[in-house]
N, C-alpha and C. Protein backbone atom coordinates (compact mmCIF):
# COMPACT_ATOMS: atom_id res chain seq x y z
N UNK A 1 45.24 5.29 45.81
CA UNK A 1 46.62 4.97 46.13
C UNK A 1 47.28 6.13 46.87
N UNK A 2 46.92 7.33 46.50
CA UNK A 2 47.49 8.50 47.16
C UNK A 2 47.07 8.59 48.61
N UNK A 3 45.83 8.18 48.89
CA UNK A 3 45.33 8.19 50.27
C UNK A 3 46.15 7.22 51.11
N UNK A 4 46.42 6.05 50.56
CA UNK A 4 47.20 5.05 51.27
C UNK A 4 48.61 5.56 51.54
N UNK A 5 49.24 6.16 50.54
CA UNK A 5 50.61 6.66 50.71
C UNK A 5 50.65 7.79 51.74
N UNK A 6 49.68 8.70 51.67
CA UNK A 6 49.65 9.81 52.62
C UNK A 6 49.40 9.32 54.05
N UNK A 7 48.50 8.37 54.20
CA UNK A 7 48.21 7.87 55.55
C UNK A 7 49.39 7.09 56.12
N UNK A 8 50.08 6.35 55.28
CA UNK A 8 51.25 5.62 55.78
C UNK A 8 52.37 6.58 56.16
N UNK A 9 52.52 7.68 55.43
CA UNK A 9 53.51 8.69 55.81
C UNK A 9 53.14 9.27 57.17
N UNK A 10 51.86 9.52 57.39
CA UNK A 10 51.40 10.02 58.68
C UNK A 10 51.64 9.02 59.80
N UNK A 11 51.43 7.76 59.52
CA UNK A 11 51.66 6.72 60.52
C UNK A 11 53.14 6.66 60.89
N UNK A 12 54.02 6.74 59.90
CA UNK A 12 55.45 6.69 60.18
C UNK A 12 55.90 7.90 61.00
N UNK A 13 55.35 9.08 60.69
CA UNK A 13 55.70 10.28 61.46
C UNK A 13 55.21 10.13 62.89
N UNK A 14 53.98 9.62 63.05
CA UNK A 14 53.42 9.43 64.38
C UNK A 14 54.21 8.38 65.16
N UNK A 15 54.70 7.38 64.46
CA UNK A 15 55.46 6.30 65.11
C UNK A 15 56.78 6.83 65.66
N UNK A 16 57.34 7.83 65.02
CA UNK A 16 58.62 8.37 65.48
C UNK A 16 58.49 8.90 66.91
N UNK A 17 57.31 9.41 67.26
CA UNK A 17 57.09 9.92 68.61
C UNK A 17 56.77 8.82 69.61
N UNK A 18 56.24 7.71 69.11
CA UNK A 18 55.88 6.58 69.97
C UNK A 18 56.55 5.33 69.44
N UNK A 19 57.29 4.64 70.26
CA UNK A 19 58.03 3.47 69.80
C UNK A 19 57.24 2.19 69.77
N UNK A 20 56.06 2.13 70.36
CA UNK A 20 55.32 0.88 70.48
C UNK A 20 54.16 0.77 69.49
N UNK A 21 54.33 1.29 68.30
CA UNK A 21 53.25 1.35 67.33
C UNK A 21 53.46 0.30 66.25
N UNK A 22 52.42 -0.49 65.93
CA UNK A 22 52.51 -1.57 64.93
C UNK A 22 52.19 -1.03 63.54
N UNK A 23 53.20 -0.85 62.74
CA UNK A 23 53.02 -0.31 61.39
C UNK A 23 52.69 -1.41 60.39
N UNK A 24 53.18 -2.61 60.61
CA UNK A 24 52.97 -3.69 59.63
C UNK A 24 51.49 -4.05 59.48
N UNK A 25 50.76 -4.05 60.57
CA UNK A 25 49.33 -4.35 60.50
C UNK A 25 48.57 -3.27 59.74
N UNK A 26 48.94 -2.02 59.96
CA UNK A 26 48.29 -0.91 59.26
C UNK A 26 48.64 -0.95 57.78
N UNK A 27 49.90 -1.25 57.48
CA UNK A 27 50.33 -1.36 56.09
C UNK A 27 49.58 -2.50 55.39
N UNK A 28 49.46 -3.65 56.06
CA UNK A 28 48.74 -4.79 55.47
C UNK A 28 47.27 -4.45 55.25
N UNK A 29 46.65 -3.76 56.19
CA UNK A 29 45.25 -3.36 56.03
C UNK A 29 45.09 -2.43 54.83
N UNK A 30 46.03 -1.53 54.65
CA UNK A 30 45.98 -0.63 53.50
C UNK A 30 46.13 -1.36 52.18
N UNK A 31 47.07 -2.29 52.12
CA UNK A 31 47.28 -3.07 50.89
C UNK A 31 46.04 -3.90 50.57
N UNK A 32 45.47 -4.54 51.58
CA UNK A 32 44.26 -5.34 51.38
C UNK A 32 43.15 -4.48 50.80
N UNK A 33 42.95 -3.30 51.35
CA UNK A 33 41.86 -2.46 50.89
C UNK A 33 42.13 -1.78 49.57
N UNK A 34 43.37 -1.47 49.27
CA UNK A 34 43.68 -0.91 47.95
C UNK A 34 43.37 -1.95 46.87
N UNK A 35 43.82 -3.18 47.09
CA UNK A 35 43.54 -4.25 46.12
C UNK A 35 42.04 -4.51 46.03
N UNK A 36 41.38 -4.54 47.16
CA UNK A 36 39.93 -4.76 47.20
C UNK A 36 39.21 -3.69 46.40
N UNK A 37 39.58 -2.46 46.60
CA UNK A 37 38.92 -1.35 45.93
C UNK A 37 39.20 -1.35 44.43
N UNK A 38 40.42 -1.58 44.05
CA UNK A 38 40.78 -1.56 42.62
C UNK A 38 40.07 -2.69 41.87
N UNK A 39 40.09 -3.89 42.43
CA UNK A 39 39.45 -5.02 41.76
C UNK A 39 37.93 -4.81 41.67
N UNK A 40 37.31 -4.41 42.77
CA UNK A 40 35.88 -4.18 42.76
C UNK A 40 35.48 -3.06 41.82
N UNK A 41 36.27 -2.01 41.79
CA UNK A 41 35.99 -0.88 40.92
C UNK A 41 36.06 -1.30 39.46
N UNK A 42 37.03 -2.12 39.11
CA UNK A 42 37.16 -2.61 37.73
C UNK A 42 35.96 -3.46 37.33
N UNK A 43 35.50 -4.32 38.25
CA UNK A 43 34.34 -5.17 37.96
C UNK A 43 33.11 -4.31 37.72
N UNK A 44 32.89 -3.34 38.58
CA UNK A 44 31.70 -2.50 38.46
C UNK A 44 31.78 -1.62 37.22
N UNK A 45 32.96 -1.09 36.91
CA UNK A 45 33.10 -0.28 35.69
C UNK A 45 32.83 -1.12 34.44
N UNK A 46 33.25 -2.36 34.49
CA UNK A 46 32.97 -3.27 33.36
C UNK A 46 31.47 -3.49 33.18
N UNK A 47 30.73 -3.54 34.28
CA UNK A 47 29.29 -3.73 34.17
C UNK A 47 28.58 -2.47 33.67
N UNK A 48 29.17 -1.32 33.88
CA UNK A 48 28.58 -0.07 33.38
C UNK A 48 28.63 0.02 31.87
N UNK A 49 29.60 -0.65 31.25
CA UNK A 49 29.73 -0.59 29.80
C UNK A 49 28.57 -1.29 29.09
N UNK A 50 27.92 -2.24 29.77
CA UNK A 50 26.81 -2.97 29.15
C UNK A 50 25.52 -2.17 29.13
N UNK A 51 25.47 -1.10 29.90
CA UNK A 51 24.29 -0.22 30.00
C UNK A 51 23.04 -0.98 30.42
N UNK A 52 23.21 -2.04 31.15
CA UNK A 52 22.08 -2.80 31.68
C UNK A 52 22.04 -2.61 33.20
N UNK A 53 20.93 -2.15 33.69
CA UNK A 53 20.79 -1.92 35.13
C UNK A 53 20.89 -3.23 35.89
N UNK A 54 20.31 -4.29 35.35
CA UNK A 54 20.34 -5.58 36.03
C UNK A 54 21.78 -6.09 36.15
N UNK A 55 22.56 -5.98 35.07
CA UNK A 55 23.95 -6.44 35.13
C UNK A 55 24.77 -5.59 36.11
N UNK A 56 24.47 -4.30 36.17
CA UNK A 56 25.17 -3.43 37.11
C UNK A 56 24.88 -3.85 38.55
N UNK A 57 23.61 -4.09 38.87
CA UNK A 57 23.26 -4.50 40.23
C UNK A 57 23.86 -5.84 40.59
N UNK A 58 23.84 -6.78 39.66
CA UNK A 58 24.42 -8.09 39.92
C UNK A 58 25.92 -7.96 40.14
N UNK A 59 26.59 -7.17 39.30
CA UNK A 59 28.04 -7.00 39.44
C UNK A 59 28.39 -6.28 40.74
N UNK A 60 27.65 -5.22 41.06
CA UNK A 60 28.00 -4.47 42.26
C UNK A 60 27.69 -5.25 43.53
N UNK A 61 26.53 -5.86 43.62
CA UNK A 61 26.19 -6.63 44.82
C UNK A 61 27.00 -7.92 44.92
N UNK A 62 27.21 -8.56 43.78
CA UNK A 62 28.02 -9.78 43.78
C UNK A 62 29.46 -9.50 44.15
N UNK A 63 30.03 -8.44 43.57
CA UNK A 63 31.42 -8.13 43.90
C UNK A 63 31.55 -7.67 45.34
N UNK A 64 30.55 -6.97 45.85
CA UNK A 64 30.59 -6.53 47.24
C UNK A 64 30.58 -7.74 48.19
N UNK A 65 29.76 -8.73 47.88
CA UNK A 65 29.70 -9.93 48.72
C UNK A 65 31.02 -10.69 48.69
N UNK A 66 31.55 -10.88 47.51
CA UNK A 66 32.81 -11.60 47.38
C UNK A 66 33.95 -10.83 48.06
N UNK A 67 33.97 -9.52 47.87
CA UNK A 67 35.02 -8.69 48.46
C UNK A 67 34.96 -8.72 49.98
N UNK A 68 33.77 -8.65 50.56
CA UNK A 68 33.65 -8.72 52.02
C UNK A 68 34.10 -10.08 52.55
N UNK A 69 33.77 -11.15 51.83
CA UNK A 69 34.20 -12.49 52.23
C UNK A 69 35.73 -12.60 52.18
N UNK A 70 36.33 -12.04 51.14
CA UNK A 70 37.80 -12.06 51.02
C UNK A 70 38.43 -11.25 52.16
N UNK A 71 37.84 -10.11 52.49
CA UNK A 71 38.37 -9.31 53.60
C UNK A 71 38.27 -10.09 54.90
N UNK A 72 37.16 -10.81 55.10
CA UNK A 72 37.02 -11.63 56.30
C UNK A 72 38.14 -12.66 56.37
N UNK A 73 38.43 -13.31 55.27
CA UNK A 73 39.53 -14.29 55.24
C UNK A 73 40.86 -13.61 55.54
N UNK A 74 41.06 -12.42 54.99
CA UNK A 74 42.31 -11.69 55.24
C UNK A 74 42.44 -11.26 56.70
N UNK A 75 41.34 -10.89 57.33
CA UNK A 75 41.38 -10.52 58.75
C UNK A 75 41.79 -11.73 59.59
N UNK A 76 41.16 -12.86 59.31
CA UNK A 76 41.50 -14.08 60.06
C UNK A 76 42.96 -14.45 59.82
N UNK A 77 43.41 -14.39 58.58
CA UNK A 77 44.80 -14.73 58.27
C UNK A 77 45.76 -13.74 58.93
N UNK A 78 45.41 -12.46 58.88
CA UNK A 78 46.28 -11.45 59.48
C UNK A 78 46.43 -11.62 60.98
N UNK A 79 45.33 -11.97 61.63
CA UNK A 79 45.37 -12.11 63.08
C UNK A 79 45.96 -13.45 63.52
N UNK A 80 45.67 -14.50 62.79
CA UNK A 80 46.16 -15.83 63.21
C UNK A 80 47.55 -16.16 62.69
N UNK A 81 47.81 -15.87 61.44
CA UNK A 81 49.09 -16.26 60.84
C UNK A 81 50.19 -15.24 61.07
N UNK A 82 49.85 -13.96 60.95
CA UNK A 82 50.87 -12.93 61.02
C UNK A 82 50.93 -12.21 62.36
N UNK A 83 49.97 -12.50 63.24
CA UNK A 83 49.94 -11.92 64.59
C UNK A 83 50.04 -10.39 64.59
N UNK A 84 49.26 -9.76 63.69
CA UNK A 84 49.20 -8.30 63.71
C UNK A 84 48.54 -7.84 65.00
N UNK A 85 48.85 -6.63 65.42
CA UNK A 85 48.18 -6.03 66.55
C UNK A 85 46.70 -5.91 66.21
N UNK A 86 45.84 -6.52 67.03
CA UNK A 86 44.42 -6.61 66.70
C UNK A 86 43.76 -5.24 66.54
N UNK A 87 44.03 -4.36 67.46
CA UNK A 87 43.36 -3.06 67.44
C UNK A 87 43.79 -2.23 66.24
N UNK A 88 45.09 -2.11 66.02
CA UNK A 88 45.55 -1.27 64.91
C UNK A 88 45.19 -1.87 63.55
N UNK A 89 45.27 -3.19 63.42
CA UNK A 89 44.97 -3.84 62.15
C UNK A 89 43.50 -3.70 61.80
N UNK A 90 42.61 -4.03 62.72
CA UNK A 90 41.18 -3.98 62.43
C UNK A 90 40.70 -2.53 62.28
N UNK A 91 41.20 -1.64 63.12
CA UNK A 91 40.81 -0.23 63.01
C UNK A 91 41.25 0.35 61.67
N UNK A 92 42.49 0.07 61.28
CA UNK A 92 42.99 0.56 59.99
C UNK A 92 42.22 -0.07 58.84
N UNK A 93 41.89 -1.34 58.96
CA UNK A 93 41.14 -2.04 57.92
C UNK A 93 39.79 -1.36 57.69
N UNK A 94 39.07 -1.07 58.76
CA UNK A 94 37.78 -0.42 58.62
C UNK A 94 37.92 1.02 58.13
N UNK A 95 38.90 1.73 58.61
CA UNK A 95 39.10 3.12 58.14
C UNK A 95 39.38 3.16 56.65
N UNK A 96 40.31 2.31 56.21
CA UNK A 96 40.60 2.27 54.78
C UNK A 96 39.39 1.79 53.99
N UNK A 97 38.68 0.79 54.49
CA UNK A 97 37.53 0.24 53.77
C UNK A 97 36.48 1.32 53.53
N UNK A 98 36.11 2.04 54.58
CA UNK A 98 35.06 3.04 54.43
C UNK A 98 35.53 4.25 53.62
N UNK A 99 36.80 4.60 53.72
CA UNK A 99 37.33 5.69 52.90
C UNK A 99 37.29 5.33 51.43
N UNK A 100 37.78 4.14 51.09
CA UNK A 100 37.78 3.73 49.69
C UNK A 100 36.37 3.49 49.18
N UNK A 101 35.48 2.99 50.01
CA UNK A 101 34.09 2.78 49.61
C UNK A 101 33.42 4.12 49.31
N UNK A 102 33.68 5.12 50.13
CA UNK A 102 33.15 6.46 49.92
C UNK A 102 33.65 7.03 48.59
N UNK A 103 34.95 6.94 48.34
CA UNK A 103 35.51 7.45 47.09
C UNK A 103 34.99 6.67 45.87
N UNK A 104 34.89 5.37 46.03
CA UNK A 104 34.38 4.53 44.94
C UNK A 104 32.94 4.92 44.59
N UNK A 105 32.13 5.17 45.59
CA UNK A 105 30.74 5.56 45.36
C UNK A 105 30.66 6.91 44.65
N UNK A 106 31.47 7.86 45.09
CA UNK A 106 31.46 9.18 44.45
C UNK A 106 31.87 9.07 42.98
N UNK A 107 32.91 8.32 42.70
CA UNK A 107 33.38 8.17 41.32
C UNK A 107 32.33 7.47 40.46
N UNK A 108 31.70 6.42 41.01
CA UNK A 108 30.69 5.70 40.24
C UNK A 108 29.46 6.56 39.96
N UNK A 109 29.04 7.35 40.92
CA UNK A 109 27.89 8.23 40.71
C UNK A 109 28.21 9.24 39.61
N UNK A 110 29.41 9.78 39.62
CA UNK A 110 29.80 10.73 38.57
C UNK A 110 29.82 10.06 37.21
N UNK A 111 30.33 8.84 37.14
CA UNK A 111 30.36 8.13 35.85
C UNK A 111 28.96 7.80 35.36
N UNK A 112 28.10 7.38 36.27
CA UNK A 112 26.73 7.05 35.88
C UNK A 112 26.00 8.30 35.39
N UNK A 113 26.20 9.41 36.07
CA UNK A 113 25.57 10.66 35.66
C UNK A 113 26.09 11.12 34.30
N UNK A 114 27.38 10.91 34.02
CA UNK A 114 27.95 11.26 32.72
C UNK A 114 27.33 10.40 31.62
N UNK A 115 27.13 9.10 31.90
CA UNK A 115 26.53 8.22 30.91
C UNK A 115 25.09 8.61 30.63
N UNK A 116 24.36 9.04 31.64
CA UNK A 116 22.98 9.45 31.44
C UNK A 116 22.89 10.70 30.58
N UNK A 117 23.85 11.62 30.73
CA UNK A 117 23.85 12.85 29.96
C UNK A 117 24.16 12.61 28.49
N UNK A 118 24.96 11.62 28.20
CA UNK A 118 25.35 11.39 26.79
C UNK A 118 24.48 10.38 26.10
């Protein structure tokens, strides 16, 4: 959440210098990915409690597939219904997605390593 807030503050500061910048598409991309990351992270953390490798893989791969499909629907809706700027919306969507995926992976690896130690 802090990454999203900091990046949006940066976007607003950058927009002050340029008047033709689409902030709503970037904001929507951030909200989509924050929700995507939080929901997926909760599902995967829930599967870690069972201490079953098979359940973890099913939860992580299944949630990843569902989350990507939902993002695809959101991209189509954002571009067709809300007419976001295509370049800024899709670029921000991918930037947020890979940033949150990277952080999610780091946190999960640390949690898994902690469980192995105990």
